[in-house]
Amino acid sequence: MSDLKKMYKTIMDDNFPEEMTIRFGEQTLMYKKRAWKIPDEKTGELIEKGLRYGENPDQQAALYELVNGNLTLGDCRFIEPGNGLVSAITEADMLQAGKHPGKTNLTDLDNALNILKYLSARPAAAIMKHNNPSGVACGKTVSDAYDRANMADRIAAFGGCLVVNRPMDKITAEMVNNNYLEVVGAPDFEEGAFEILAKRKNLRIVRISRIDQLEKYRFFRFVDFKSLMDGGVIVQQSPINRIRTRDDFLPAKTIYKGKEYAIERQPDEKDYDDMLFGWNVEQGITSNSVIYVKDGVTVGIGTGEQDRVGVAEIAIFKAYTKYADALCFKKYGIPYKTFELEASQGKRDIAALREIDEMTKKEKGGLIGAAMVSDAFFPFRDGVDAGIKEGVTAIVQPGGSERDFEAIEACNQASPRVTMVFTGQRAFRH
């Protein structure tokens, strides 16, 4: 165990080359390995190293930035050099390096940007853990967005990566400093904000200057590589989200055995806002996934499961759990699980715990009035029924199932009726 602890604190050497060239027929892309001169954690001496290590501390890893070459395949033109975000971070951008960055720190940063590129219109915050969001929210201010994203799942946010799409102010910095995070990224830091964050010496504080240009990245494709255990490689285009405005949603309707089925309640303003927000957040979540969103914040996130009704139910369970924790923390200043333990030990009033449980049950974990978002179609109506039972008012899904008519019927039979739209596009992310 002591050896493993030592490994976590070690910056590995790597044997990857300084340059990497990838050829697609006659077209060539050139990449440069990134390294940074960062003060040693113990001695303070400047040491030039690349990534700390890969996904685990016994894996070498390297980060490469695209520096030359323009790739066009068919009618697809891929992203060109000079548009670096995470791969272009410099020593100057690492306002505080904290621990030397590892692979997971940078992939969390990258996927946060992948979500925030759809949320440029308002202040927004994404908190990432294991390359999935624990909470995403829009707000009136950066501090409002961060608070909502954090309270969506305080538990999972611990040790996470926060990225905001507006300069961080002192108010937000104070709120962030009350929690434990590994990485904080922002387009800039207002006067005094950095000094507050820097009180946590191991916190990586990163300025990503192109965040104000994120919206243009919605339309860029990159080459997505997946390596197989036998050394083979699968190459694909990155996806493009076709939903840009509410007008891009498709009416939920289908024909089954000669009969037309169509959704009866049309979306209202609130439905559209949440459906757009939810579908955009869905672009950065690992499939198989179902999420619930409400008033511009994630309520429950289910991800990485093998069946759709199961992941819908897991997201509901998480919504209830996180809602109870938020109630407990706001009222008593401690996590729900801590309160529960102390109540079992006779140190706290068990009746107070039951009151939190009853309020959570009454409010259905904050799911009443939420929008349900699925990255793929519902093969049966059981997934849709799971959300309707908890009081969702709107559902977003790609459509295309042989049993779309069942999902539409479930919405029309609900009381009150639930609206549904199709996206005409799946959002799998493996």
Foldseek 3Di string as FASTA:
>chain_A
DVVQVVLVQAQDADDDDQKDWDDDDPWIWIKGWDWAQAQRPPPGHTDTGAASAEPGSVHHDIQIATADTWDDDDPATADHHPPDFLSPFYPVQFVACQRPHHHQQSLLVVLQLLLCLLVLVFKKKFWDDPQATLKIFGDNDVLRRVVQRCLLFVPRSAQTEMEILAAAEQNNLQVPLVGHYAEYEYQHHPPPSVVSNCVPNRHGYGHGNCSNVSNVCLPHKHWDWDADPVRDIDIDIQDHQQDNALVLWAWLWDAAPNDIFGADDDDDPQQRVQVSSVVSSLLRAAPQWKWKDGPGMTQFIFHDDDAQLVSLVNRLVSLLQSLLQSVCCVVPVDGLVVQVVCVVVVNDPVVVNVVSNVVSVVCSSVLAQIEMEGLADHQALSSLLSSVVSHYAEYEHADDHSVSSRVSVSQVPGVVHHGYTHNVHGNHDD
